[in-house]
Amino acid sequence: MAEHNDLGKWGEEMAVAFLTKRGYFVKERDWHWKHRDIDIIALTPDMRTIVFIEVKTRTTDILAAPETAVTRDKIKSIGYVANAYLKMNRINNEMRFDLITIVGNKDEGVPKVEHWENAFNPMLAY
């Protein structure tokens, strides 16, 4: 597996651990529909809100912050997949779109994790 893929998988593992520690229930990881995907689909601790989460992992944020990698096209793609997931599973919960950024790597201590609730709205990307 390519090094950037290893880093991304490690970042998603860190994000899942972060969410679980805070009481979220992780329903899906790396959920695919057609040629698109969502990194994490979870329920809030009160089980009322379904959260579609994009995870961005970088070894450093010196050149660019990881959140800058969430482009308008990526936001549209996440909205498209989220809509399919909701329809396929007949879900009527409230929903939100979050971003988790991870800066670090598995060989260097504790990574910096930031959770951006309501980070974007796919309806505004069109």
N, C-alpha and C. Protein backbone atom coordinates (compact mmCIF):
# COMPACT_ATOMS: atom_id res chain seq x y z
N MET A 1 0.85 -1.18 0.00
CA MET A 1 0.00 0.00 0.00
C MET A 1 0.89 1.24 0.00
N ALA A 2 0.50 2.25 -0.73
CA ALA A 2 1.27 3.48 -0.81
C ALA A 2 1.33 4.16 0.56
N GLU A 3 2.43 4.87 0.80
CA GLU A 3 2.64 5.52 2.09
C GLU A 3 1.51 6.48 2.46
N HIS A 4 1.00 7.25 1.47
CA HIS A 4 -0.09 8.18 1.78
C HIS A 4 -1.37 7.44 2.15
N ASN A 5 -1.57 6.24 1.57
CA ASN A 5 -2.73 5.43 1.94
C ASN A 5 -2.60 4.93 3.37
N ASP A 6 -1.39 4.51 3.76
CA ASP A 6 -1.15 4.08 5.14
C ASP A 6 -1.43 5.22 6.11
N LEU A 7 -0.97 6.41 5.76
CA LEU A 7 -1.18 7.58 6.61
C LEU A 7 -2.68 7.88 6.73
N GLY A 8 -3.40 7.81 5.63
CA GLY A 8 -4.84 8.06 5.65
C GLY A 8 -5.59 7.06 6.50
N LYS A 9 -5.24 5.78 6.39
CA LYS A 9 -5.89 4.74 7.20
C LYS A 9 -5.59 4.96 8.68
N TRP A 10 -4.35 5.29 8.98
CA TRP A 10 -3.98 5.58 10.37
C TRP A 10 -4.78 6.77 10.89
N GLY A 11 -4.90 7.81 10.08
CA GLY A 11 -5.68 8.98 10.47
C GLY A 11 -7.13 8.64 10.75
N GLU A 12 -7.72 7.80 9.91
CA GLU A 12 -9.11 7.39 10.14
C GLU A 12 -9.23 6.60 11.43
N GLU A 13 -8.24 5.76 11.73
CA GLU A 13 -8.26 5.02 13.00
C GLU A 13 -8.21 5.99 14.18
N MET A 14 -7.37 7.02 14.08
CA MET A 14 -7.27 8.03 15.14
C MET A 14 -8.60 8.77 15.29
N ALA A 15 -9.23 9.08 14.17
CA ALA A 15 -10.52 9.78 14.20
C ALA A 15 -11.60 8.93 14.86
N VAL A 16 -11.64 7.65 14.52
CA VAL A 16 -12.62 6.74 15.13
C VAL A 16 -12.39 6.66 16.64
N ALA A 17 -11.14 6.52 17.06
CA ALA A 17 -10.83 6.47 18.49
C ALA A 17 -11.25 7.76 19.19
N PHE A 18 -11.00 8.89 18.54
CA PHE A 18 -11.38 10.20 19.07
C PHE A 18 -12.89 10.28 19.26
N LEU A 19 -13.64 9.89 18.23
CA LEU A 19 -15.11 9.95 18.28
C LEU A 19 -15.67 8.99 19.33
N THR A 20 -15.17 7.77 19.35
CA THR A 20 -15.65 6.76 20.28
C THR A 20 -15.44 7.21 21.72
N LYS A 21 -14.28 7.80 21.98
CA LYS A 21 -13.98 8.29 23.33
C LYS A 21 -14.96 9.37 23.77
N ARG A 22 -15.53 10.08 22.80
CA ARG A 22 -16.47 11.16 23.10
C ARG A 22 -17.93 10.70 23.02
N GLY A 23 -18.16 9.40 22.90
CA GLY A 23 -19.50 8.87 22.97
C GLY A 23 -20.22 8.69 21.64
N TYR A 24 -19.57 8.96 20.52
CA TYR A 24 -20.19 8.75 19.22
C TYR A 24 -20.27 7.25 18.93
N PHE A 25 -21.28 6.86 18.17
CA PHE A 25 -21.41 5.48 17.71
C PHE A 25 -21.05 5.45 16.23
N VAL A 26 -19.95 4.80 15.91
CA VAL A 26 -19.50 4.73 14.52
C VAL A 26 -20.26 3.62 13.81
N LYS A 27 -21.05 4.02 12.80
CA LYS A 27 -21.86 3.07 12.03
C LYS A 27 -21.11 2.49 10.84
N GLU A 28 -20.34 3.34 10.17
CA GLU A 28 -19.66 2.92 8.94
C GLU A 28 -18.30 3.58 8.86
N ARG A 29 -17.37 2.87 8.23
CA ARG A 29 -16.06 3.43 7.90
C ARG A 29 -15.81 3.20 6.43
N ASP A 30 -15.33 4.22 5.74
CA ASP A 30 -14.98 4.14 4.33
C ASP A 30 -16.15 3.58 3.51
N TRP A 31 -17.32 4.19 3.67
CA TRP A 31 -18.53 3.73 2.99
C TRP A 31 -18.54 4.22 1.55
N HIS A 32 -18.64 3.29 0.63
CA HIS A 32 -18.58 3.61 -0.81
C HIS A 32 -19.96 3.51 -1.46
N TRP A 33 -20.16 4.38 -2.41
CA TRP A 33 -21.32 4.32 -3.28
C TRP A 33 -20.87 4.81 -4.64
N LYS A 34 -21.01 3.92 -5.61
CA LYS A 34 -20.47 4.16 -6.95
C LYS A 34 -18.97 4.44 -6.82
N HIS A 35 -18.46 5.50 -7.32
CA HIS A 35 -17.02 5.76 -7.23
C HIS A 35 -16.68 6.82 -6.17
N ARG A 36 -17.59 7.02 -5.23
CA ARG A 36 -17.39 8.03 -4.19
C ARG A 36 -17.43 7.36 -2.82
N ASP A 37 -16.95 8.09 -1.81
CA ASP A 37 -16.96 7.51 -0.47
C ASP A 37 -17.08 8.58 0.61
N ILE A 38 -17.43 8.10 1.79
CA ILE A 38 -17.43 8.93 3.01
C ILE A 38 -16.54 8.20 4.00
N ASP A 39 -15.65 8.93 4.66
CA ASP A 39 -14.69 8.31 5.57
C ASP A 39 -15.36 7.66 6.77
N ILE A 40 -16.22 8.41 7.46
CA ILE A 40 -16.87 7.90 8.67
C ILE A 40 -18.32 8.38 8.69
N ILE A 41 -19.22 7.47 9.07
CA ILE A 41 -20.61 7.81 9.32
C ILE A 41 -20.88 7.41 10.76
N ALA A 42 -21.34 8.35 11.56
CA ALA A 42 -21.52 8.10 12.99
C ALA A 42 -22.80 8.73 13.49
N LEU A 43 -23.21 8.30 14.67
CA LEU A 43 -24.32 8.92 15.39
C LEU A 43 -23.76 9.68 16.58
N THR A 44 -24.34 10.85 16.86
CA THR A 44 -23.94 11.63 18.02
C THR A 44 -24.24 10.84 19.30
N PRO A 45 -23.63 11.22 20.41
CA PRO A 45 -23.86 10.49 21.67
C PRO A 45 -25.34 10.35 22.05
N ASP A 46 -26.18 11.32 21.69
CA ASP A 46 -27.61 11.22 22.02
C ASP A 46 -28.37 10.40 20.97
N MET A 47 -27.67 9.89 19.96
CA MET A 47 -28.21 9.03 18.90
C MET A 47 -29.27 9.72 18.03
N ARG A 48 -29.32 11.03 18.04
CA ARG A 48 -30.33 11.76 17.28
C ARG A 48 -29.84 12.28 15.93
N THR A 49 -28.53 12.50 15.82
CA THR A 49 -28.00 13.13 14.62
C THR A 49 -27.00 12.21 13.94
N ILE A 50 -27.20 12.01 12.64
CA ILE A 50 -26.24 11.25 11.86
C ILE A 50 -25.19 12.22 11.33
N VAL A 51 -23.94 11.84 11.46
CA VAL A 51 -22.85 12.73 11.11
C VAL A 51 -21.99 12.08 10.01
N PHE A 52 -21.83 12.79 8.94
CA PHE A 52 -20.97 12.36 7.84
C PHE A 52 -19.64 13.09 8.03
N ILE A 53 -18.57 12.32 8.17
CA ILE A 53 -17.30 12.90 8.58
C ILE A 53 -16.21 12.66 7.54
N GLU A 54 -15.59 13.73 7.12
CA GLU A 54 -14.41 13.68 6.26
C GLU A 54 -13.19 13.78 7.17
N VAL A 55 -12.20 12.92 6.93
CA VAL A 55 -10.98 12.92 7.72
C VAL A 55 -9.83 13.33 6.81
N LYS A 56 -9.06 14.31 7.24
CA LYS A 56 -7.88 14.75 6.50
C LYS A 56 -6.67 14.60 7.42
N THR A 57 -5.69 13.83 6.95
CA THR A 57 -4.50 13.55 7.74
C THR A 57 -3.27 14.07 7.02
N ARG A 58 -2.41 14.72 7.76
CA ARG A 58 -1.15 15.23 7.23
C ARG A 58 -0.06 14.98 8.26
N THR A 59 1.15 14.78 7.80
CA THR A 59 2.26 14.60 8.74
C THR A 59 2.66 15.93 9.36
N THR A 60 2.41 17.01 8.63
CA THR A 60 2.73 18.34 9.12
C THR A 60 1.73 19.34 8.54
N ASP A 61 1.55 20.44 9.23
CA ASP A 61 0.68 21.49 8.70
C ASP A 61 1.48 22.74 8.35
N ILE A 62 2.78 22.57 8.15
CA ILE A 62 3.65 23.71 7.85
C ILE A 62 3.31 24.33 6.50
N LEU A 63 3.17 23.52 5.46
CA LEU A 63 2.89 24.05 4.12
C LEU A 63 1.43 24.44 3.94
N ALA A 64 0.54 23.60 4.46
CA ALA A 64 -0.90 23.89 4.34
C ALA A 64 -1.66 23.14 5.42
N ALA A 65 -2.67 23.77 5.96
CA ALA A 65 -3.52 23.12 6.96
C ALA A 65 -4.33 22.02 6.29
N PRO A 66 -4.55 20.88 6.95
CA PRO A 66 -5.26 19.78 6.32
C PRO A 66 -6.68 20.15 5.87
N GLU A 67 -7.33 21.06 6.57
CA GLU A 67 -8.70 21.43 6.21
C GLU A 67 -8.79 22.12 4.86
N THR A 68 -7.69 22.65 4.37
CA THR A 68 -7.71 23.30 3.05
C THR A 68 -7.85 22.29 1.91
N ALA A 69 -7.68 21.01 2.22
CA ALA A 69 -7.81 19.97 1.20
C ALA A 69 -9.26 19.59 0.91
N VAL A 70 -10.20 20.14 1.67
CA VAL A 70 -11.61 19.84 1.43
C VAL A 70 -12.12 20.86 0.40
N THR A 71 -12.14 20.42 -0.84
CA THR A 71 -12.51 21.29 -1.94
C THR A 71 -14.02 21.31 -2.15
N ARG A 72 -14.45 22.23 -2.97
CA ARG A 72 -15.87 22.31 -3.32
C ARG A 72 -16.35 21.00 -3.98
N ASP A 73 -15.54 20.43 -4.85
CA ASP A 73 -15.91 19.16 -5.49
C ASP A 73 -16.01 18.03 -4.47
N LYS A 74 -15.11 18.00 -3.49
CA LYS A 74 -15.17 16.98 -2.45
C LYS A 74 -16.44 17.15 -1.62
N ILE A 75 -16.80 18.38 -1.31
CA ILE A 75 -18.02 18.64 -0.55
C ILE A 75 -19.24 18.16 -1.33
N LYS A 76 -19.29 18.43 -2.62
CA LYS A 76 -20.39 17.96 -3.45
C LYS A 76 -20.46 16.43 -3.44
N SER A 77 -19.31 15.80 -3.56
CA SER A 77 -19.24 14.35 -3.58
C SER A 77 -19.75 13.75 -2.27
N ILE A 78 -19.36 14.33 -1.15
CA ILE A 78 -19.82 13.85 0.16
C ILE A 78 -21.34 14.01 0.27
N GLY A 79 -21.87 15.12 -0.20
CA GLY A 79 -23.32 15.33 -0.17
C GLY A 79 -24.05 14.30 -1.01
N TYR A 80 -23.50 13.98 -2.16
CA TYR A 80 -24.08 12.99 -3.07
C TYR A 80 -24.14 11.62 -2.41
N VAL A 81 -23.04 11.21 -1.79
CA VAL A 81 -22.98 9.90 -1.13
C VAL A 81 -23.86 9.88 0.12
N ALA A 82 -23.86 10.97 0.87
CA ALA A 82 -24.70 11.04 2.07
C ALA A 82 -26.17 10.88 1.71
N ASN A 83 -26.59 11.53 0.64
CA ASN A 83 -27.97 11.42 0.18
C ASN A 83 -28.30 9.96 -0.17
N ALA A 84 -27.41 9.29 -0.87
CA ALA A 84 -27.61 7.88 -1.21
C ALA A 84 -27.71 7.02 0.04
N TYR A 85 -26.83 7.27 1.01
CA TYR A 85 -26.84 6.50 2.25
C TYR A 85 -28.15 6.68 3.01
N LEU A 86 -28.60 7.92 3.12
CA LEU A 86 -29.86 8.19 3.81
C LEU A 86 -31.04 7.49 3.13
N LYS A 87 -31.09 7.55 1.81
CA LYS A 87 -32.18 6.92 1.07
C LYS A 87 -32.13 5.39 1.17
N MET A 88 -30.94 4.82 0.99
CA MET A 88 -30.79 3.37 1.03
C MET A 88 -31.15 2.79 2.39
N ASN A 89 -30.89 3.55 3.44
CA ASN A 89 -31.12 3.06 4.80
C ASN A 89 -32.37 3.64 5.44
N ARG A 90 -33.12 4.42 4.64
CA ARG A 90 -34.37 5.03 5.12
C ARG A 90 -34.18 5.76 6.45
N ILE A 91 -33.21 6.63 6.46
CA ILE A 91 -32.87 7.38 7.67
C ILE A 91 -33.47 8.78 7.59
N ASN A 92 -34.13 9.18 8.66
CA ASN A 92 -34.75 10.50 8.73
C ASN A 92 -34.18 11.36 9.85
N ASN A 93 -33.07 10.92 10.43
CA ASN A 93 -32.45 11.68 11.51
C ASN A 93 -32.00 13.06 11.03
N GLU A 94 -31.78 13.94 11.98
CA GLU A 94 -31.09 15.18 11.66
C GLU A 94 -29.70 14.77 11.18
N MET A 95 -29.07 15.63 10.38
CA MET A 95 -27.73 15.28 9.91
C MET A 95 -26.82 16.49 9.95
N ARG A 96 -25.53 16.16 9.91
CA ARG A 96 -24.54 17.22 9.89
C ARG A 96 -23.29 16.68 9.20
N PHE A 97 -22.47 17.61 8.74
CA PHE A 97 -21.25 17.26 8.01
C PHE A 97 -20.07 17.84 8.79
N ASP A 98 -19.22 16.95 9.29
CA ASP A 98 -18.08 17.35 10.11
C ASP A 98 -16.77 17.06 9.39
N LEU A 99 -15.73 17.66 9.91
CA LEU A 99 -14.37 17.43 9.44
C LEU A 99 -13.51 17.14 10.65
N ILE A 100 -12.68 16.10 10.53
CA ILE A 100 -11.68 15.84 11.56
C ILE A 100 -10.32 15.92 10.88
N THR A 101 -9.45 16.75 11.44
CA THR A 101 -8.10 16.86 10.92
C THR A 101 -7.13 16.22 11.91
N ILE A 102 -6.16 15.51 11.34
CA ILE A 102 -5.14 14.84 12.13
C ILE A 102 -3.80 15.32 11.60
N VAL A 103 -2.94 15.79 12.50
CA VAL A 103 -1.59 16.19 12.10
C VAL A 103 -0.62 15.38 12.97
N GLY A 104 0.22 14.58 12.29
CA GLY A 104 1.19 13.73 12.97
C GLY A 104 1.36 12.45 12.19
N ASN A 105 2.00 11.47 12.81
CA ASN A 105 2.10 10.15 12.20
C ASN A 105 2.26 9.10 13.29
N LYS A 106 2.11 7.85 12.92
CA LYS A 106 2.08 6.78 13.91
C LYS A 106 3.41 6.56 14.63
N ASP A 107 4.48 7.12 14.11
CA ASP A 107 5.79 6.95 14.73
C ASP A 107 6.17 8.07 15.68
N GLU A 108 5.32 9.09 15.81
CA GLU A 108 5.63 10.25 16.63
C GLU A 108 4.53 10.55 17.64
N GLY A 109 4.62 10.04 18.80
CA GLY A 109 3.73 10.40 19.90
C GLY A 109 2.27 10.61 19.57
N VAL A 110 1.67 11.57 20.25
CA VAL A 110 0.24 11.84 20.13
C VAL A 110 0.00 12.87 19.02
N PRO A 111 -0.88 12.54 18.07
CA PRO A 111 -1.17 13.49 16.99
C PRO A 111 -2.07 14.63 17.47
N LYS A 112 -2.07 15.70 16.71
CA LYS A 112 -2.98 16.82 16.96
C LYS A 112 -4.29 16.50 16.22
N VAL A 113 -5.38 16.42 16.97
CA VAL A 113 -6.69 16.09 16.40
C VAL A 113 -7.62 17.27 16.61
N GLU A 114 -8.27 17.71 15.53
CA GLU A 114 -9.27 18.77 15.64
C GLU A 114 -10.57 18.28 15.02
N HIS A 115 -11.67 18.55 15.71
CA HIS A 115 -13.00 18.15 15.23
C HIS A 115 -13.79 19.42 14.92
N TRP A 116 -14.15 19.58 13.66
CA TRP A 116 -14.89 20.74 13.19
C TRP A 116 -16.33 20.30 12.96
N GLU A 117 -17.20 20.58 13.92
CA GLU A 117 -18.62 20.25 13.76
C GLU A 117 -19.25 21.22 12.77
N ASN A 118 -20.20 20.71 11.97
CA ASN A 118 -20.86 21.53 10.95
C ASN A 118 -19.83 22.25 10.07
N ALA A 119 -18.83 21.54 9.64
CA ALA A 119 -17.72 22.13 8.88
C ALA A 119 -18.14 22.63 7.52
N PHE A 120 -19.14 21.99 6.92
CA PHE A 120 -19.59 22.42 5.60
C PHE A 120 -21.01 21.95 5.35
N ASN A 121 -21.63 22.55 4.34
CA ASN A 121 -22.99 22.19 3.93
C ASN A 121 -22.95 21.93 2.43
N PRO A 122 -23.12 20.67 2.02
CA PRO A 122 -23.06 20.35 0.59
C PRO A 122 -24.09 21.11 -0.26
N MET A 123 -25.20 21.51 0.33
CA MET A 123 -26.21 22.25 -0.44
C MET A 123 -25.68 23.61 -0.89
N LEU A 124 -24.70 24.14 -0.18
CA LEU A 124 -24.14 25.44 -0.53
C LEU A 124 -22.99 25.33 -1.53
N ALA A 125 -22.61 24.10 -1.89
CA ALA A 125 -21.49 23.90 -2.81
C ALA A 125 -21.92 23.96 -4.27
N TYR A 126 -23.21 24.04 -4.52
CA TYR A 126 -23.69 24.05 -5.91
C TYR A 126 -23.87 25.44 -6.44
